[in-house]
Amino acid sequence: AHGLVKAPGLPDWSGEVEMVEGAEEPAGVTADGSPGHARPPMFDQD
């Protein structure tokens, strides 16, 4: 249910999603090492 909508532009994603409750929103980096979306661009989009 969290996967239907993808982030515009389908940006690269090199982070990993931590699914243990209580964790902060997962952080990630793009392929060039710059900060990525707070959430994976393929999941949990508004």
All heavy atoms as atom14 arrays in JSON, in Angstrom:
{
  "sequence": "AHGLVKAPGLPDWSGEVEMVEGAEEPAGVTADGSPGHARPPMFDQD",
  "atom14_mask": [
    [1, 1, 1, 1, 1, 0, 0, 0, 0, 0, 0, 0, 0, 0],
    [1, 1, 1, 1, 1, 1, 1, 1, 1, 1, 0, 0, 0, 0],
    [1, 1, 1, 1, 0, 0, 0, 0, 0, 0, 0, 0, 0, 0],
    [1, 1, 1, 1, 1, 1, 1, 1, 0, 0, 0, 0, 0, 0],
    [1, 1, 1, 1, 1, 1, 1, 0, 0, 0, 0, 0, 0, 0],
    [1, 1, 1, 1, 1, 1, 1, 1, 1, 0, 0, 0, 0, 0],
    [1, 1, 1, 1, 1, 0, 0, 0, 0, 0, 0, 0, 0, 0],
    [1, 1, 1, 1, 1, 1, 1, 0, 0, 0, 0, 0, 0, 0],
    [1, 1, 1, 1, 0, 0, 0, 0, 0, 0, 0, 0, 0, 0],
    [1, 1, 1, 1, 1, 1, 1, 1, 0, 0, 0, 0, 0, 0],
    [1, 1, 1, 1, 1, 1, 1, 0, 0, 0, 0, 0, 0, 0],
    [1, 1, 1, 1, 1, 1, 1, 1, 0, 0, 0, 0, 0, 0],
    [1, 1, 1, 1, 1, 1, 1, 1, 1, 1, 1, 1, 1, 1],
    [1, 1, 1, 1, 1, 1, 0, 0, 0, 0, 0, 0, 0, 0],
    [1, 1, 1, 1, 0, 0, 0, 0, 0, 0, 0, 0, 0, 0],
    [1, 1, 1, 1, 1, 1, 1, 1, 1, 0, 0, 0, 0, 0],
    [1, 1, 1, 1, 1, 1, 1, 0, 0, 0, 0, 0, 0, 0],
    [1, 1, 1, 1, 1, 1, 1, 1, 1, 0, 0, 0, 0, 0],
    [1, 1, 1, 1, 1, 1, 1, 1, 0, 0, 0, 0, 0, 0],
    [1, 1, 1, 1, 1, 1, 1, 0, 0, 0, 0, 0, 0, 0],
    [1, 1, 1, 1, 1, 1, 1, 1, 1, 0, 0, 0, 0, 0],
    [1, 1, 1, 1, 0, 0, 0, 0, 0, 0, 0, 0, 0, 0],
    [1, 1, 1, 1, 1, 0, 0, 0, 0, 0, 0, 0, 0, 0],
    [1, 1, 1, 1, 1, 1, 1, 1, 1, 0, 0, 0, 0, 0],
    [1, 1, 1, 1, 1, 1, 1, 1, 1, 0, 0, 0, 0, 0],
    [1, 1, 1, 1, 1, 1, 1, 0, 0, 0, 0, 0, 0, 0],
    [1, 1, 1, 1, 1, 0, 0, 0, 0, 0, 0, 0, 0, 0],
    [1, 1, 1, 1, 0, 0, 0, 0, 0, 0, 0, 0, 0, 0],
    [1, 1, 1, 1, 1, 1, 1, 0, 0, 0, 0, 0, 0, 0],
    [1, 1, 1, 1, 1, 1, 1, 0, 0, 0, 0, 0, 0, 0],
    [1, 1, 1, 1, 1, 0, 0, 0, 0, 0, 0, 0, 0, 0],
    [1, 1, 1, 1, 1, 1, 1, 1, 0, 0, 0, 0, 0, 0],
    [1, 1, 1, 1, 0, 0, 0, 0, 0, 0, 0, 0, 0, 0],
    [1, 1, 1, 1, 1, 1, 0, 0, 0, 0, 0, 0, 0, 0],
    [1, 1, 1, 1, 1, 1, 1, 0, 0, 0, 0, 0, 0, 0],
    [1, 1, 1, 1, 0, 0, 0, 0, 0, 0, 0, 0, 0, 0],
    [1, 1, 1, 1, 1, 1, 1, 1, 1, 1, 0, 0, 0, 0],
    [1, 1, 1, 1, 1, 0, 0, 0, 0, 0, 0, 0, 0, 0],
    [1, 1, 1, 1, 1, 1, 1, 1, 1, 1, 1, 0, 0, 0],
    [1, 1, 1, 1, 1, 1, 1, 0, 0, 0, 0, 0, 0, 0],
    [1, 1, 1, 1, 1, 1, 1, 0, 0, 0, 0, 0, 0, 0],
    [1, 1, 1, 1, 1, 1, 1, 1, 0, 0, 0, 0, 0, 0],
    [1, 1, 1, 1, 1, 1, 1, 1, 1, 1, 1, 0, 0, 0],
    [1, 1, 1, 1, 1, 1, 1, 1, 0, 0, 0, 0, 0, 0],
    [1, 1, 1, 1, 1, 1, 1, 1, 1, 0, 0, 0, 0, 0],
    [1, 1, 1, 1, 1, 1, 1, 1, 0, 0, 0, 0, 0, 0]
  ],
  "atom14_positions": [
    [[0.81, -1.21, 0.0], [0.0, 0.0, 0.0], [0.85, 1.26, 0.0], [0.37, 2.34, -0.4], [-0.92, 0.0, 1.22], [0.0, 0.0, 0.0], [0.0, 0.0, 0.0], [0.0, 0.0, 0.0], [0.0, 0.0, 0.0], [0.0, 0.0, 0.0], [0.0, 0.0, 0.0], [0.0, 0.0, 0.0], [0.0, 0.0, 0.0], [0.0, 0.0, 0.0]],
    [[2.08, 1.15, 0.44], [2.96, 2.32, 0.51], [3.74, 2.55, -0.78], [4.54, 3.49, -0.86], [3.94, 2.16, 1.66], [4.79, 0.91, 1.58], [4.25, -0.34, 1.41], [6.14, 0.74, 1.65], [5.23, -1.24, 1.38], [6.37, -0.6, 1.51], [0.0, 0.0, 0.0], [0.0, 0.0, 0.0], [0.0, 0.0, 0.0], [0.0, 0.0, 0.0]],
    [[3.52, 1.72, -1.81], [4.42, 1.75, -2.96], [3.84, 2.28, -4.25], [4.57, 2.38, -5.24], [0.0, 0.0, 0.0], [0.0, 0.0, 0.0], [0.0, 0.0, 0.0], [0.0, 0.0, 0.0], [0.0, 0.0, 0.0], [0.0, 0.0, 0.0], [0.0, 0.0, 0.0], [0.0, 0.0, 0.0], [0.0, 0.0, 0.0], [0.0, 0.0, 0.0]],
    [[2.56, 2.65, -4.29], [1.93, 2.96, -5.57], [2.51, 4.2, -6.24], [2.7, 4.23, -7.45], [0.41, 3.13, -5.39], [-0.43, 1.86, -5.35], [0.02, 0.89, -4.27], [-1.9, 2.2, -5.17], [0.0, 0.0, 0.0], [0.0, 0.0, 0.0], [0.0, 0.0, 0.0], [0.0, 0.0, 0.0], [0.0, 0.0, 0.0], [0.0, 0.0, 0.0]],
    [[2.79, 5.23, -5.46], [3.26, 6.51, -6.01], [4.77, 6.61, -5.81], [5.29, 6.33, -4.74], [2.54, 7.68, -5.32], [3.12, 9.02, -5.77], [1.04, 7.62, -5.62], [0.0, 0.0, 0.0], [0.0, 0.0, 0.0], [0.0, 0.0, 0.0], [0.0, 0.0, 0.0], [0.0, 0.0, 0.0], [0.0, 0.0, 0.0], [0.0, 0.0, 0.0]],
    [[5.45, 7.02, -6.88], [6.89, 7.22, -6.83], [7.21, 8.72, -6.86], [6.42, 9.53, -7.37], [7.58, 6.54, -8.01], [7.81, 5.04, -7.84], [6.56, 4.21, -7.84], [6.84, 2.71, -7.8], [5.61, 1.91, -7.71], [0.0, 0.0, 0.0], [0.0, 0.0, 0.0], [0.0, 0.0, 0.0], [0.0, 0.0, 0.0], [0.0, 0.0, 0.0]],
    [[8.36, 9.1, -6.34], [8.77, 10.5, -6.33], [8.97, 11.01, -7.74], [9.47, 10.29, -8.62], [10.05, 10.67, -5.52], [0.0, 0.0, 0.0], [0.0, 0.0, 0.0], [0.0, 0.0, 0.0], [0.0, 0.0, 0.0], [0.0, 0.0, 0.0], [0.0, 0.0, 0.0], [0.0, 0.0, 0.0], [0.0, 0.0, 0.0], [0.0, 0.0, 0.0]],
    [[8.59, 12.26, -8.01], [8.79, 12.82, -9.35], [10.24, 12.72, -9.8], [11.16, 12.97, -9.02], [8.36, 14.28, -9.17], [7.43, 14.28, -8.0], [7.95, 13.21, -7.09], [0.0, 0.0, 0.0], [0.0, 0.0, 0.0], [0.0, 0.0, 0.0], [0.0, 0.0, 0.0], [0.0, 0.0, 0.0], [0.0, 0.0, 0.0], [0.0, 0.0, 0.0]],
    [[10.44, 12.33, -11.03], [11.78, 12.24, -11.58], [12.5, 10.95, -11.27], [13.58, 10.69, -11.78], [0.0, 0.0, 0.0], [0.0, 0.0, 0.0], [0.0, 0.0, 0.0], [0.0, 0.0, 0.0], [0.0, 0.0, 0.0], [0.0, 0.0, 0.0], [0.0, 0.0, 0.0], [0.0, 0.0, 0.0], [0.0, 0.0, 0.0], [0.0, 0.0, 0.0]],
    [[11.92, 10.12, -10.42], [12.53, 8.83, -10.05], [14.01, 8.99, -9.7], [14.89, 8.37, -10.31], [12.37, 7.82, -11.2], [10.96, 7.63, -11.76], [10.96, 6.56, -12.84], [9.97, 7.28, -10.67], [0.0, 0.0, 0.0], [0.0, 0.0, 0.0], [0.0, 0.0, 0.0], [0.0, 0.0, 0.0], [0.0, 0.0, 0.0], [0.0, 0.0, 0.0]],
    [[14.33, 9.8, -8.69], [15.74, 10.05, -8.36], [16.45, 8.8, -7.84], [15.83, 7.91, -7.27], [15.65, 11.11, -7.27], [14.31, 10.9, -6.64], [13.42, 10.47, -7.76], [0.0, 0.0, 0.0], [0.0, 0.0, 0.0], [0.0, 0.0, 0.0], [0.0, 0.0, 0.0], [0.0, 0.0, 0.0], [0.0, 0.0, 0.0], [0.0, 0.0, 0.0]],
    [[17.76, 8.77, -8.05], [18.57, 7.68, -7.51], [18.39, 7.6, -6.0], [18.1, 8.59, -5.32], [20.05, 7.91, -7.83], [20.42, 7.44, -9.23], [19.54, 6.87, -9.91], [21.57, 7.67, -9.64], [0.0, 0.0, 0.0], [0.0, 0.0, 0.0], [0.0, 0.0, 0.0], [0.0, 0.0, 0.0], [0.0, 0.0, 0.0], [0.0, 0.0, 0.0]],
    [[18.62, 6.4, -5.48], [18.49, 6.18, -4.04], [19.51, 5.14, -3.61], [19.52, 4.03, -4.11], [17.08, 5.7, -3.7], [16.91, 5.25, -2.27], [16.83, 3.97, -1.83], [16.8, 6.08, -1.12], [16.67, 3.94, -0.45], [16.65, 5.23, 0.0], [16.81, 7.46, -0.93], [16.52, 5.73, 1.29], [16.68, 7.95, 0.36], [16.53, 7.09, 1.45]],
    [[20.37, 5.52, -2.7], [21.38, 4.59, -2.2], [21.21, 4.29, -0.72], [22.03, 3.58, -0.14], [22.79, 5.15, -2.44], [23.02, 5.31, -3.83], [0.0, 0.0, 0.0], [0.0, 0.0, 0.0], [0.0, 0.0, 0.0], [0.0, 0.0, 0.0], [0.0, 0.0, 0.0], [0.0, 0.0, 0.0], [0.0, 0.0, 0.0], [0.0, 0.0, 0.0]],
    [[20.19, 4.83, -0.12], [19.96, 4.58, 1.3], [19.23, 3.28, 1.52], [18.76, 2.62, 0.6], [0.0, 0.0, 0.0], [0.0, 0.0, 0.0], [0.0, 0.0, 0.0], [0.0, 0.0, 0.0], [0.0, 0.0, 0.0], [0.0, 0.0, 0.0], [0.0, 0.0, 0.0], [0.0, 0.0, 0.0], [0.0, 0.0, 0.0], [0.0, 0.0, 0.0]],
    [[19.14, 2.9, 2.78], [18.39, 1.72, 3.16], [17.32, 2.13, 4.15], [17.52, 3.03, 4.97], [19.3, 0.66, 3.79], [20.28, 0.09, 2.78], [20.93, -1.18, 3.28], [20.5, -1.69, 4.33], [21.86, -1.66, 2.62], [0.0, 0.0, 0.0], [0.0, 0.0, 0.0], [0.0, 0.0, 0.0], [0.0, 0.0, 0.0], [0.0, 0.0, 0.0]],
    [[16.17, 1.48, 4.08], [15.06, 1.8, 4.97], [15.15, 0.94, 6.21], [15.2, -0.29, 6.12], [13.72, 1.54, 4.26], [12.57, 1.9, 5.18], [13.65, 2.34, 2.98], [0.0, 0.0, 0.0], [0.0, 0.0, 0.0], [0.0, 0.0, 0.0], [0.0, 0.0, 0.0], [0.0, 0.0, 0.0], [0.0, 0.0, 0.0], [0.0, 0.0, 0.0]],
    [[15.18, 1.57, 7.37], [15.17, 0.84, 8.64], [13.74, 0.73, 9.12], [13.08, 1.73, 9.38], [16.02, 1.57, 9.68], [16.03, 0.92, 11.05], [16.53, -0.5, 10.98], [17.67, -0.71, 10.58], [15.74, -1.39, 11.34], [0.0, 0.0, 0.0], [0.0, 0.0, 0.0], [0.0, 0.0, 0.0], [0.0, 0.0, 0.0], [0.0, 0.0, 0.0]],
    [[13.22, -0.5, 9.2], [11.81, -0.7, 9.52], [11.56, -1.02, 10.98], [10.49, -1.48, 11.32], [11.23, -1.81, 8.64], [11.08, -1.4, 7.19], [9.99, 0.04, 7.01], [10.03, 0.23, 5.23], [0.0, 0.0, 0.0], [0.0, 0.0, 0.0], [0.0, 0.0, 0.0], [0.0, 0.0, 0.0], [0.0, 0.0, 0.0], [0.0, 0.0, 0.0]],
    [[12.55, -0.81, 11.83], [12.31, -1.04, 13.26], [11.58, 0.16, 13.83], [12.02, 1.29, 13.69], [13.64, -1.25, 14.01], [13.38, -1.35, 15.5], [14.33, -2.5, 13.5], [0.0, 0.0, 0.0], [0.0, 0.0, 0.0], [0.0, 0.0, 0.0], [0.0, 0.0, 0.0], [0.0, 0.0, 0.0], [0.0, 0.0, 0.0], [0.0, 0.0, 0.0]],
    [[10.42, -0.08, 14.43], [9.62, 1.02, 14.96], [10.41, 1.81, 15.99], [11.18, 1.28, 16.78], [8.35, 0.46, 15.6], [7.53, 1.49, 16.32], [7.28, 2.74, 15.5], [7.08, 2.64, 14.29], [7.32, 3.82, 16.09], [0.0, 0.0, 0.0], [0.0, 0.0, 0.0], [0.0, 0.0, 0.0], [0.0, 0.0, 0.0], [0.0, 0.0, 0.0]],
    [[10.21, 3.09, 15.93], [10.91, 3.99, 16.84], [12.09, 4.67, 16.17], [12.61, 5.64, 16.65], [0.0, 0.0, 0.0], [0.0, 0.0, 0.0], [0.0, 0.0, 0.0], [0.0, 0.0, 0.0], [0.0, 0.0, 0.0], [0.0, 0.0, 0.0], [0.0, 0.0, 0.0], [0.0, 0.0, 0.0], [0.0, 0.0, 0.0], [0.0, 0.0, 0.0]],
    [[12.51, 4.11, 15.0], [13.59, 4.75, 14.26], [13.12, 6.07, 13.69], [11.95, 6.3, 13.47], [14.06, 3.83, 13.13], [0.0, 0.0, 0.0], [0.0, 0.0, 0.0], [0.0, 0.0, 0.0], [0.0, 0.0, 0.0], [0.0, 0.0, 0.0], [0.0, 0.0, 0.0], [0.0, 0.0, 0.0], [0.0, 0.0, 0.0], [0.0, 0.0, 0.0]],
    [[14.05, 6.95, 13.46], [13.72, 8.19, 12.77], [13.44, 7.88, 11.31], [13.7, 6.78, 10.83], [14.9, 9.18, 12.89], [15.23, 9.56, 14.32], [14.06, 10.25, 15.01], [13.36, 11.04, 14.35], [13.84, 9.98, 16.2], [0.0, 0.0, 0.0], [0.0, 0.0, 0.0], [0.0, 0.0, 0.0], [0.0, 0.0, 0.0], [0.0, 0.0, 0.0]],
    [[12.9, 8.85, 10.6], [12.69, 8.62, 9.18], [14.03, 8.27, 8.54], [15.07, 8.87, 8.85], [12.11, 9.87, 8.52], [10.65, 10.11, 8.88], [10.02, 11.15, 8.0], [10.7, 11.66, 7.12], [8.83, 11.44, 8.21], [0.0, 0.0, 0.0], [0.0, 0.0, 0.0], [0.0, 0.0, 0.0], [0.0, 0.0, 0.0], [0.0, 0.0, 0.0]],
    [[14.04, 7.28, 7.64], [15.3, 6.82, 7.07], [15.97, 7.9, 6.25], [15.33, 8.67, 5.54], [14.86, 5.65, 6.17], [13.42, 5.9, 5.88], [12.88, 6.58, 7.1], [0.0, 0.0, 0.0], [0.0, 0.0, 0.0], [0.0, 0.0, 0.0], [0.0, 0.0, 0.0], [0.0, 0.0, 0.0], [0.0, 0.0, 0.0], [0.0, 0.0, 0.0]],
    [[17.26, 7.98, 6.4], [18.05, 8.92, 5.61], [18.72, 8.18, 4.48], [18.88, 6.98, 4.5], [19.09, 9.6, 6.51], [0.0, 0.0, 0.0], [0.0, 0.0, 0.0], [0.0, 0.0, 0.0], [0.0, 0.0, 0.0], [0.0, 0.0, 0.0], [0.0, 0.0, 0.0], [0.0, 0.0, 0.0], [0.0, 0.0, 0.0], [0.0, 0.0, 0.0]],
    [[19.13, 8.91, 3.47], [19.8, 8.26, 2.35], [20.62, 9.27, 1.58], [20.6, 10.46, 1.85], [0.0, 0.0, 0.0], [0.0, 0.0, 0.0], [0.0, 0.0, 0.0], [0.0, 0.0, 0.0], [0.0, 0.0, 0.0], [0.0, 0.0, 0.0], [0.0, 0.0, 0.0], [0.0, 0.0, 0.0], [0.0, 0.0, 0.0], [0.0, 0.0, 0.0]],
    [[21.37, 8.78, 0.62], [22.16, 9.65, -0.24], [21.9, 9.28, -1.68], [21.55, 8.15, -2.01], [23.67, 9.51, 0.07], [23.97, 10.02, 1.46], [24.14, 8.07, -0.07], [0.0, 0.0, 0.0], [0.0, 0.0, 0.0], [0.0, 0.0, 0.0], [0.0, 0.0, 0.0], [0.0, 0.0, 0.0], [0.0, 0.0, 0.0], [0.0, 0.0, 0.0]],
    [[22.04, 10.26, -2.55], [21.93, 9.99, -3.97], [23.22, 9.38, -4.46], [24.2, 9.25, -3.72], [21.63, 11.29, -4.73], [22.65, 12.23, -4.43], [20.29, 11.86, -4.3], [0.0, 0.0, 0.0], [0.0, 0.0, 0.0], [0.0, 0.0, 0.0], [0.0, 0.0, 0.0], [0.0, 0.0, 0.0], [0.0, 0.0, 0.0], [0.0, 0.0, 0.0]],
    [[23.25, 9.0, -5.73], [24.41, 8.28, -6.26], [25.69, 9.1, -6.15], [26.78, 8.56, -6.02], [24.14, 7.88, -7.71], [0.0, 0.0, 0.0], [0.0, 0.0, 0.0], [0.0, 0.0, 0.0], [0.0, 0.0, 0.0], [0.0, 0.0, 0.0], [0.0, 0.0, 0.0], [0.0, 0.0, 0.0], [0.0, 0.0, 0.0], [0.0, 0.0, 0.0]],
    [[25.57, 10.44, -6.24], [26.77, 11.27, -6.18], [27.18, 11.62, -4.75], [28.1, 12.4, -4.53], [26.59, 12.54, -7.0], [25.48, 13.44, -6.45], [24.87, 13.07, -5.42], [25.22, 14.49, -7.06], [0.0, 0.0, 0.0], [0.0, 0.0, 0.0], [0.0, 0.0, 0.0], [0.0, 0.0, 0.0], [0.0, 0.0, 0.0], [0.0, 0.0, 0.0]],
    [[26.48, 11.06, -3.77], [26.85, 11.28, -2.38], [26.14, 12.43, -1.72], [26.35, 12.68, -0.54], [0.0, 0.0, 0.0], [0.0, 0.0, 0.0], [0.0, 0.0, 0.0], [0.0, 0.0, 0.0], [0.0, 0.0, 0.0], [0.0, 0.0, 0.0], [0.0, 0.0, 0.0], [0.0, 0.0, 0.0], [0.0, 0.0, 0.0], [0.0, 0.0, 0.0]],
    [[25.28, 13.14, -2.44], [24.57, 14.26, -1.84], [23.37, 13.75, -1.05], [22.91, 12.63, -1.27], [24.09, 15.23, -2.94], [23.25, 14.54, -3.85], [0.0, 0.0, 0.0], [0.0, 0.0, 0.0], [0.0, 0.0, 0.0], [0.0, 0.0, 0.0], [0.0, 0.0, 0.0], [0.0, 0.0, 0.0], [0.0, 0.0, 0.0], [0.0, 0.0, 0.0]],
    [[22.87, 14.55, -0.11], [21.73, 14.07, 0.69], [20.54, 13.71, -0.18], [20.24, 14.39, -1.16], [21.42, 15.28, 1.6], [22.7, 16.05, 1.64], [23.35, 15.86, 0.3], [0.0, 0.0, 0.0], [0.0, 0.0, 0.0], [0.0, 0.0, 0.0], [0.0, 0.0, 0.0], [0.0, 0.0, 0.0], [0.0, 0.0, 0.0], [0.0, 0.0, 0.0]],
    [[19.9, 12.63, 0.19], [18.76, 12.17, -0.59], [17.44, 12.48, 0.09], [17.38, 13.24, 1.05], [0.0, 0.0, 0.0], [0.0, 0.0, 0.0], [0.0, 0.0, 0.0], [0.0, 0.0, 0.0], [0.0, 0.0, 0.0], [0.0, 0.0, 0.0], [0.0, 0.0, 0.0], [0.0, 0.0, 0.0], [0.0, 0.0, 0.0], [0.0, 0.0, 0.0]],
    [[16.38, 11.9, -0.42], [15.06, 12.08, 0.17], [15.05, 11.53, 1.59], [15.74, 10.58, 1.91], [14.02, 11.35, -0.68], [13.72, 12.02, -1.97], [12.5, 12.59, -2.24], [14.47, 12.21, -3.09], [12.51, 13.1, -3.46], [13.68, 12.88, -3.99], [0.0, 0.0, 0.0], [0.0, 0.0, 0.0], [0.0, 0.0, 0.0], [0.0, 0.0, 0.0]],
    [[14.22, 12.12, 2.43], [14.08, 11.61, 3.79], [13.47, 10.22, 3.77], [13.68, 9.45, 4.67], [13.24, 12.56, 4.62], [0.0, 0.0, 0.0], [0.0, 0.0, 0.0], [0.0, 0.0, 0.0], [0.0, 0.0, 0.0], [0.0, 0.0, 0.0], [0.0, 0.0, 0.0], [0.0, 0.0, 0.0], [0.0, 0.0, 0.0], [0.0, 0.0, 0.0]],
    [[12.7, 9.94, 2.73], [12.1, 8.61, 2.56], [12.51, 8.1, 1.19], [12.75, 8.87, 0.27], [10.58, 8.7, 2.66], [10.07, 9.05, 4.05], [8.55, 9.12, 4.08], [8.0, 10.08, 3.13], [7.99, 11.39, 3.32], [8.52, 11.92, 4.41], [7.45, 12.2, 2.43], [0.0, 0.0, 0.0], [0.0, 0.0, 0.0], [0.0, 0.0, 0.0]],
    [[12.55, 6.78, 1.02], [12.91, 6.24, -0.29], [11.94, 6.75, -1.35], [10.73, 6.81, -1.11], [12.76, 4.73, -0.1], [12.87, 4.5, 1.37], [12.29, 5.72, 2.01], [0.0, 0.0, 0.0], [0.0, 0.0, 0.0], [0.0, 0.0, 0.0], [0.0, 0.0, 0.0], [0.0, 0.0, 0.0], [0.0, 0.0, 0.0], [0.0, 0.0, 0.0]],
    [[12.41, 7.13, -2.51], [11.54, 7.73, -3.52], [10.54, 6.76, -4.13], [9.62, 7.19, -4.82], [12.53, 8.24, -4.58], [13.75, 7.42, -4.38], [13.84, 7.13, -2.92], [0.0, 0.0, 0.0], [0.0, 0.0, 0.0], [0.0, 0.0, 0.0], [0.0, 0.0, 0.0], [0.0, 0.0, 0.0], [0.0, 0.0, 0.0], [0.0, 0.0, 0.0]],
    [[10.7, 5.49, -3.82], [9.75, 4.51, -4.36], [8.68, 4.09, -3.35], [7.77, 3.35, -3.69], [10.49, 3.27, -4.87], [11.11, 2.38, -3.81], [12.57, 3.09, -2.95], [13.78, 3.12, -4.27], [0.0, 0.0, 0.0], [0.0, 0.0, 0.0], [0.0, 0.0, 0.0], [0.0, 0.0, 0.0], [0.0, 0.0, 0.0], [0.0, 0.0, 0.0]],
    [[8.77, 4.58, -2.11], [7.84, 4.15, -1.07], [7.34, 5.32, -0.23], [8.05, 6.31, -0.02], [8.5, 3.12, -0.14], [8.78, 1.79, -0.79], [10.02, 1.18, -0.63], [7.82, 1.16, -1.56], [10.27, -0.05, -1.23], [8.07, -0.06, -2.16], [9.29, -0.67, -2.0], [0.0, 0.0, 0.0], [0.0, 0.0, 0.0], [0.0, 0.0, 0.0]],
    [[6.12, 5.18, 0.3], [5.54, 6.08, 1.28], [5.52, 7.54, 0.81], [5.8, 8.45, 1.59], [6.26, 5.95, 2.62], [5.49, 6.61, 3.77], [4.25, 6.66, 3.68], [6.14, 7.06, 4.74], [0.0, 0.0, 0.0], [0.0, 0.0, 0.0], [0.0, 0.0, 0.0], [0.0, 0.0, 0.0], [0.0, 0.0, 0.0], [0.0, 0.0, 0.0]],
    [[5.2, 7.73, -0.44], [5.05, 9.1, -0.96], [3.65, 9.62, -0.6], [2.67, 8.87, -0.55], [5.25, 9.11, -2.47], [6.62, 8.63, -2.92], [7.74, 9.48, -2.36], [7.79, 10.7, -2.6], [8.66, 8.86, -1.62], [0.0, 0.0, 0.0], [0.0, 0.0, 0.0], [0.0, 0.0, 0.0], [0.0, 0.0, 0.0], [0.0, 0.0, 0.0]],
    [[3.56, 10.91, -0.37], [2.31, 11.48, 0.13], [1.15, 11.27, -0.84], [-0.02, 11.25, -0.43], [2.49, 12.97, 0.42], [3.37, 13.22, 1.64], [3.54, 12.28, 2.45], [3.88, 14.34, 1.79], [0.0, 0.0, 0.0], [0.0, 0.0, 0.0], [0.0, 0.0, 0.0], [0.0, 0.0, 0.0], [0.0, 0.0, 0.0], [0.0, 0.0, 0.0]]
  ]
}
